[in-house]
Amino acid sequence: MKYFALLLVPIFILFAGWQYNDPDPLLWGTIYLIAAYTALRAFQGKFNQELLLVLLIWSAAWAISSWTQMTAWEGFFSENEGLTMKTPNQELAREACGLGIVAVAYLLFLGMSYSQRRR
C-alpha cells in the first residue's frame, strides 16, 4: 500500500498543475498539493491521524455538497470541445469527483495509519 501512496504523489501534483485554467486555481491547486503531501508522508510511514480524519471529513462533505448542487448530469466533457466548461453542472461534477478521489486517498492513508499502529 505504501507504494500506491507513492504513486498518488505525482498524480495529485499533476491534478494541481491542471488547475491553471480553473476559475479558482489557487483553491484547487492547494487541495491537490495537500493530498500529494499527505500521500508522500503516508509513503514515508509518517501519519497525523487527526489531520487525516479532518481532511477526510472535509473532503467527503464537500464532495457530497458539490454533487448535490448539480441540477442535471451533463458529464465531464463537452461534445467536440474537450475539457471546456459549458455548464456549471460540468464544473460541479469535476469538482465533486476530484474531491471524492482525494477523500478515498485520505481514507486509505487513515487505514494505513491504523494498521501501522497495531504492529
N, C-alpha and C. Protein backbone atom coordinates (compact mmCIF):
# COMPACT_ATOMS: atom_id res chain seq x y z
N MET A 1 0.81 -1.20 0.00
CA MET A 1 0.00 0.00 0.00
C MET A 1 0.85 1.26 0.00
N LYS A 2 2.03 1.16 0.62
CA LYS A 2 2.85 2.36 0.68
C LYS A 2 3.30 2.79 -0.71
N TYR A 3 3.49 1.84 -1.62
CA TYR A 3 3.89 2.21 -2.98
C TYR A 3 2.72 2.79 -3.78
N PHE A 4 1.52 2.41 -3.42
CA PHE A 4 0.36 3.05 -4.02
C PHE A 4 0.29 4.51 -3.58
N ALA A 5 0.62 4.76 -2.31
CA ALA A 5 0.68 6.14 -1.82
C ALA A 5 1.73 6.93 -2.59
N LEU A 6 2.87 6.30 -2.87
CA LEU A 6 3.91 6.96 -3.65
C LEU A 6 3.43 7.26 -5.07
N LEU A 7 2.67 6.36 -5.65
CA LEU A 7 2.11 6.57 -6.99
C LEU A 7 1.15 7.77 -7.00
N LEU A 8 0.45 7.97 -5.91
CA LEU A 8 -0.51 9.07 -5.84
C LEU A 8 0.16 10.44 -5.77
N VAL A 9 1.42 10.50 -5.32
CA VAL A 9 2.10 11.79 -5.21
C VAL A 9 2.17 12.50 -6.57
N PRO A 10 2.75 11.89 -7.61
CA PRO A 10 2.79 12.61 -8.90
C PRO A 10 1.40 12.80 -9.52
N ILE A 11 0.48 11.88 -9.24
CA ILE A 11 -0.87 12.04 -9.77
C ILE A 11 -1.52 13.30 -9.20
N PHE A 12 -1.41 13.48 -7.88
CA PHE A 12 -2.00 14.67 -7.27
C PHE A 12 -1.26 15.94 -7.69
N ILE A 13 0.04 15.85 -7.91
CA ILE A 13 0.79 17.02 -8.40
C ILE A 13 0.31 17.38 -9.80
N LEU A 14 0.08 16.37 -10.64
CA LEU A 14 -0.48 16.64 -11.97
C LEU A 14 -1.87 17.28 -11.88
N PHE A 15 -2.70 16.75 -10.98
CA PHE A 15 -4.03 17.34 -10.77
C PHE A 15 -3.90 18.81 -10.40
N ALA A 16 -2.94 19.11 -9.51
CA ALA A 16 -2.73 20.51 -9.09
C ALA A 16 -2.29 21.36 -10.28
N GLY A 17 -1.42 20.83 -11.11
CA GLY A 17 -0.94 21.57 -12.27
C GLY A 17 -2.03 21.84 -13.28
N TRP A 18 -2.97 20.92 -13.41
CA TRP A 18 -4.05 21.09 -14.38
C TRP A 18 -5.07 22.14 -13.95
N GLN A 19 -4.90 22.69 -12.78
CA GLN A 19 -5.85 23.70 -12.30
C GLN A 19 -5.53 25.10 -12.81
N TYR A 20 -4.48 25.24 -13.60
CA TYR A 20 -4.07 26.57 -14.06
C TYR A 20 -5.18 27.30 -14.82
N ASN A 21 -6.06 26.57 -15.49
CA ASN A 21 -7.13 27.22 -16.26
C ASN A 21 -8.47 27.20 -15.53
N ASP A 22 -8.47 26.79 -14.28
CA ASP A 22 -9.69 26.76 -13.48
C ASP A 22 -10.04 28.18 -13.04
N PRO A 23 -11.32 28.47 -12.84
CA PRO A 23 -11.69 29.81 -12.35
C PRO A 23 -11.07 30.16 -10.99
N ASP A 24 -10.79 29.16 -10.17
CA ASP A 24 -10.15 29.39 -8.87
C ASP A 24 -8.98 28.42 -8.68
N PRO A 25 -7.87 28.68 -9.40
CA PRO A 25 -6.76 27.72 -9.41
C PRO A 25 -6.03 27.60 -8.07
N LEU A 26 -5.95 28.68 -7.29
CA LEU A 26 -5.23 28.59 -6.02
C LEU A 26 -5.93 27.64 -5.05
N LEU A 27 -7.24 27.71 -5.01
CA LEU A 27 -8.00 26.83 -4.13
C LEU A 27 -7.79 25.37 -4.51
N TRP A 28 -8.01 25.04 -5.78
CA TRP A 28 -7.94 23.64 -6.20
C TRP A 28 -6.51 23.13 -6.27
N GLY A 29 -5.58 23.98 -6.64
CA GLY A 29 -4.18 23.58 -6.61
C GLY A 29 -3.74 23.23 -5.20
N THR A 30 -4.16 24.03 -4.24
CA THR A 30 -3.82 23.78 -2.84
C THR A 30 -4.43 22.47 -2.35
N ILE A 31 -5.66 22.21 -2.73
CA ILE A 31 -6.33 20.97 -2.31
C ILE A 31 -5.53 19.76 -2.78
N TYR A 32 -5.11 19.76 -4.04
CA TYR A 32 -4.37 18.62 -4.58
C TYR A 32 -2.94 18.56 -4.06
N LEU A 33 -2.33 19.70 -3.77
CA LEU A 33 -0.97 19.68 -3.22
C LEU A 33 -0.98 19.16 -1.78
N ILE A 34 -2.01 19.47 -1.01
CA ILE A 34 -2.14 18.90 0.33
C ILE A 34 -2.29 17.38 0.23
N ALA A 35 -3.08 16.93 -0.73
CA ALA A 35 -3.24 15.48 -0.93
C ALA A 35 -1.91 14.84 -1.34
N ALA A 36 -1.13 15.52 -2.18
CA ALA A 36 0.18 15.00 -2.59
C ALA A 36 1.11 14.91 -1.39
N TYR A 37 1.09 15.93 -0.54
CA TYR A 37 1.94 15.92 0.66
C TYR A 37 1.56 14.78 1.61
N THR A 38 0.26 14.60 1.85
CA THR A 38 -0.15 13.52 2.74
C THR A 38 0.16 12.16 2.13
N ALA A 39 0.12 12.05 0.80
CA ALA A 39 0.50 10.79 0.15
C ALA A 39 1.98 10.51 0.34
N LEU A 40 2.80 11.55 0.23
CA LEU A 40 4.24 11.39 0.45
C LEU A 40 4.52 10.97 1.89
N ARG A 41 3.84 11.61 2.83
CA ARG A 41 4.03 11.25 4.25
C ARG A 41 3.53 9.82 4.52
N ALA A 42 2.48 9.41 3.85
CA ALA A 42 1.99 8.04 4.01
C ALA A 42 3.02 7.05 3.48
N PHE A 43 3.64 7.36 2.36
CA PHE A 43 4.70 6.51 1.82
C PHE A 43 5.84 6.40 2.82
N GLN A 44 6.16 7.50 3.49
CA GLN A 44 7.25 7.51 4.47
C GLN A 44 6.85 6.84 5.78
N GLY A 45 5.57 6.52 5.93
CA GLY A 45 5.10 5.89 7.16
C GLY A 45 4.86 6.88 8.29
N LYS A 46 4.74 8.13 7.96
CA LYS A 46 4.52 9.19 8.95
C LYS A 46 3.09 9.69 8.79
N PHE A 47 2.29 9.48 9.81
CA PHE A 47 0.87 9.80 9.73
C PHE A 47 0.47 10.77 10.84
N ASN A 48 -0.38 11.69 10.52
CA ASN A 48 -1.04 12.53 11.50
C ASN A 48 -2.52 12.16 11.42
N GLN A 49 -2.93 11.26 12.31
CA GLN A 49 -4.28 10.70 12.21
C GLN A 49 -5.37 11.76 12.39
N GLU A 50 -5.13 12.72 13.28
CA GLU A 50 -6.13 13.76 13.48
C GLU A 50 -6.30 14.59 12.20
N LEU A 51 -5.18 14.95 11.58
CA LEU A 51 -5.25 15.72 10.34
C LEU A 51 -5.94 14.91 9.24
N LEU A 52 -5.58 13.64 9.12
CA LEU A 52 -6.20 12.80 8.09
C LEU A 52 -7.71 12.68 8.30
N LEU A 53 -8.12 12.55 9.55
CA LEU A 53 -9.55 12.45 9.84
C LEU A 53 -10.28 13.74 9.47
N VAL A 54 -9.69 14.88 9.83
CA VAL A 54 -10.30 16.17 9.48
C VAL A 54 -10.36 16.34 7.97
N LEU A 55 -9.27 16.02 7.27
CA LEU A 55 -9.23 16.15 5.81
C LEU A 55 -10.23 15.20 5.14
N LEU A 56 -10.37 13.99 5.69
CA LEU A 56 -11.33 13.03 5.14
C LEU A 56 -12.76 13.55 5.27
N ILE A 57 -13.12 14.00 6.46
CA ILE A 57 -14.48 14.51 6.68
C ILE A 57 -14.74 15.73 5.81
N TRP A 58 -13.77 16.64 5.77
CA TRP A 58 -13.91 17.87 4.99
C TRP A 58 -14.08 17.58 3.50
N SER A 59 -13.21 16.74 2.95
CA SER A 59 -13.27 16.48 1.51
C SER A 59 -14.51 15.66 1.13
N ALA A 60 -14.89 14.70 1.97
CA ALA A 60 -16.09 13.91 1.68
C ALA A 60 -17.34 14.78 1.75
N ALA A 61 -17.42 15.63 2.78
CA ALA A 61 -18.59 16.51 2.91
C ALA A 61 -18.68 17.49 1.74
N TRP A 62 -17.54 18.02 1.34
CA TRP A 62 -17.53 18.97 0.22
C TRP A 62 -17.88 18.28 -1.09
N ALA A 63 -17.40 17.05 -1.26
CA ALA A 63 -17.73 16.29 -2.47
C ALA A 63 -19.23 16.03 -2.56
N ILE A 64 -19.81 15.62 -1.45
CA ILE A 64 -21.26 15.36 -1.42
C ILE A 64 -22.03 16.65 -1.66
N SER A 65 -21.58 17.73 -1.04
CA SER A 65 -22.24 19.03 -1.23
C SER A 65 -22.17 19.47 -2.69
N SER A 66 -21.01 19.33 -3.31
CA SER A 66 -20.87 19.71 -4.72
C SER A 66 -21.75 18.85 -5.61
N TRP A 67 -21.77 17.56 -5.31
CA TRP A 67 -22.56 16.64 -6.13
C TRP A 67 -24.05 16.97 -6.06
N THR A 68 -24.52 17.29 -4.86
CA THR A 68 -25.95 17.56 -4.70
C THR A 68 -26.36 18.91 -5.26
N GLN A 69 -25.40 19.79 -5.55
CA GLN A 69 -25.72 21.08 -6.16
C GLN A 69 -26.02 20.96 -7.66
N MET A 70 -25.62 19.84 -8.26
CA MET A 70 -25.88 19.67 -9.69
C MET A 70 -27.38 19.54 -9.93
N THR A 71 -27.86 20.24 -10.93
CA THR A 71 -29.28 20.13 -11.27
C THR A 71 -29.54 19.02 -12.29
N ALA A 72 -28.49 18.63 -13.02
CA ALA A 72 -28.60 17.55 -14.01
C ALA A 72 -27.21 17.03 -14.32
N TRP A 73 -27.12 15.75 -14.63
CA TRP A 73 -25.84 15.17 -15.02
C TRP A 73 -25.57 15.51 -16.48
N GLU A 74 -24.48 16.23 -16.71
CA GLU A 74 -24.11 16.62 -18.06
C GLU A 74 -22.72 16.12 -18.43
N GLY A 75 -22.17 15.25 -17.60
CA GLY A 75 -20.87 14.67 -17.89
C GLY A 75 -19.71 15.58 -17.53
N PHE A 76 -18.51 15.13 -17.90
CA PHE A 76 -17.30 15.89 -17.61
C PHE A 76 -16.82 16.70 -18.81
N PHE A 77 -17.18 16.28 -19.99
CA PHE A 77 -16.65 16.87 -21.21
C PHE A 77 -17.78 17.44 -22.06
N SER A 78 -17.44 18.46 -22.84
CA SER A 78 -18.38 18.99 -23.83
C SER A 78 -18.13 18.28 -25.14
N GLU A 79 -19.18 17.88 -25.81
CA GLU A 79 -19.03 17.16 -27.07
C GLU A 79 -18.30 18.02 -28.09
N ASN A 80 -17.26 17.46 -28.68
CA ASN A 80 -16.41 18.12 -29.69
C ASN A 80 -15.65 19.33 -29.16
N GLU A 81 -15.64 19.54 -27.85
CA GLU A 81 -14.92 20.69 -27.30
C GLU A 81 -14.01 20.32 -26.15
N GLY A 82 -13.86 19.04 -25.86
CA GLY A 82 -12.93 18.60 -24.83
C GLY A 82 -13.30 19.06 -23.44
N LEU A 83 -12.32 19.62 -22.74
CA LEU A 83 -12.50 19.97 -21.34
C LEU A 83 -13.06 21.37 -21.10
N THR A 84 -13.43 22.08 -22.14
CA THR A 84 -14.00 23.40 -21.90
C THR A 84 -15.31 23.25 -21.12
N MET A 85 -15.50 24.15 -20.18
CA MET A 85 -16.69 24.06 -19.34
C MET A 85 -17.83 24.82 -20.00
N LYS A 86 -18.85 24.11 -20.36
CA LYS A 86 -20.02 24.73 -20.98
C LYS A 86 -21.10 25.06 -19.95
N THR A 87 -21.19 24.27 -18.90
CA THR A 87 -22.24 24.50 -17.91
C THR A 87 -21.66 24.38 -16.50
N PRO A 88 -22.29 25.01 -15.52
CA PRO A 88 -21.85 24.86 -14.13
C PRO A 88 -21.96 23.41 -13.65
N ASN A 89 -22.89 22.64 -14.20
CA ASN A 89 -23.03 21.24 -13.78
C ASN A 89 -21.78 20.43 -14.11
N GLN A 90 -21.13 20.72 -15.23
CA GLN A 90 -19.90 20.02 -15.57
C GLN A 90 -18.80 20.35 -14.56
N GLU A 91 -18.69 21.60 -14.18
CA GLU A 91 -17.68 22.00 -13.20
C GLU A 91 -17.97 21.36 -11.85
N LEU A 92 -19.22 21.33 -11.44
CA LEU A 92 -19.58 20.69 -10.17
C LEU A 92 -19.28 19.20 -10.20
N ALA A 93 -19.53 18.55 -11.32
CA ALA A 93 -19.24 17.12 -11.43
C ALA A 93 -17.74 16.87 -11.32
N ARG A 94 -16.94 17.68 -11.98
CA ARG A 94 -15.48 17.52 -11.91
C ARG A 94 -14.98 17.78 -10.49
N GLU A 95 -15.48 18.83 -9.87
CA GLU A 95 -15.06 19.15 -8.50
C GLU A 95 -15.46 18.04 -7.54
N ALA A 96 -16.69 17.55 -7.65
CA ALA A 96 -17.15 16.51 -6.74
C ALA A 96 -16.34 15.23 -6.90
N CYS A 97 -16.05 14.85 -8.12
CA CYS A 97 -15.26 13.62 -8.34
C CYS A 97 -13.82 13.80 -7.90
N GLY A 98 -13.24 14.97 -8.13
CA GLY A 98 -11.88 15.23 -7.65
C GLY A 98 -11.80 15.16 -6.14
N LEU A 99 -12.77 15.76 -5.47
CA LEU A 99 -12.80 15.69 -4.01
C LEU A 99 -13.08 14.27 -3.53
N GLY A 100 -13.87 13.52 -4.28
CA GLY A 100 -14.10 12.12 -3.93
C GLY A 100 -12.84 11.29 -4.02
N ILE A 101 -12.04 11.53 -5.04
CA ILE A 101 -10.76 10.82 -5.18
C ILE A 101 -9.85 11.17 -4.01
N VAL A 102 -9.80 12.44 -3.66
CA VAL A 102 -8.98 12.88 -2.53
C VAL A 102 -9.48 12.24 -1.24
N ALA A 103 -10.80 12.20 -1.04
CA ALA A 103 -11.37 11.60 0.17
C ALA A 103 -11.03 10.12 0.27
N VAL A 104 -11.10 9.40 -0.84
CA VAL A 104 -10.74 7.97 -0.83
C VAL A 104 -9.27 7.81 -0.48
N ALA A 105 -8.42 8.69 -0.99
CA ALA A 105 -6.99 8.63 -0.65
C ALA A 105 -6.79 8.86 0.84
N TYR A 106 -7.47 9.85 1.41
CA TYR A 106 -7.34 10.10 2.85
C TYR A 106 -7.84 8.91 3.66
N LEU A 107 -8.90 8.27 3.21
CA LEU A 107 -9.41 7.08 3.89
C LEU A 107 -8.37 5.96 3.84
N LEU A 108 -7.75 5.78 2.70
CA LEU A 108 -6.68 4.79 2.56
C LEU A 108 -5.53 5.09 3.51
N PHE A 109 -5.10 6.35 3.56
CA PHE A 109 -3.98 6.72 4.43
C PHE A 109 -4.34 6.55 5.90
N LEU A 110 -5.58 6.85 6.25
CA LEU A 110 -6.03 6.65 7.62
C LEU A 110 -6.01 5.17 7.98
N GLY A 111 -6.47 4.33 7.05
CA GLY A 111 -6.40 2.88 7.27
C GLY A 111 -4.97 2.40 7.41
N MET A 112 -4.07 2.94 6.59
CA MET A 112 -2.65 2.58 6.70
C MET A 112 -2.09 2.98 8.06
N SER A 113 -2.51 4.13 8.56
CA SER A 113 -2.00 4.59 9.86
C SER A 113 -2.48 3.70 10.99
N TYR A 114 -3.73 3.24 10.93
CA TYR A 114 -4.24 2.35 11.97
C TYR A 114 -3.58 0.98 11.90
N SER A 115 -3.33 0.48 10.71
CA SER A 115 -2.66 -0.83 10.60
C SER A 115 -1.21 -0.73 11.07
N GLN A 116 -0.56 0.40 10.84
CA GLN A 116 0.81 0.59 11.32
C GLN A 116 0.82 0.69 12.84
N ARG A 117 -0.19 1.30 13.39
CA ARG A 117 -0.27 1.49 14.84
C ARG A 117 -0.43 0.15 15.57
N ARG A 118 -1.13 -0.80 14.95
CA ARG A 118 -1.38 -2.10 15.57
C ARG A 118 -0.13 -2.96 15.65
N ARG A 119 0.84 -2.71 14.81
CA ARG A 119 2.06 -3.55 14.81
C ARG A 119 2.92 -3.32 15.99
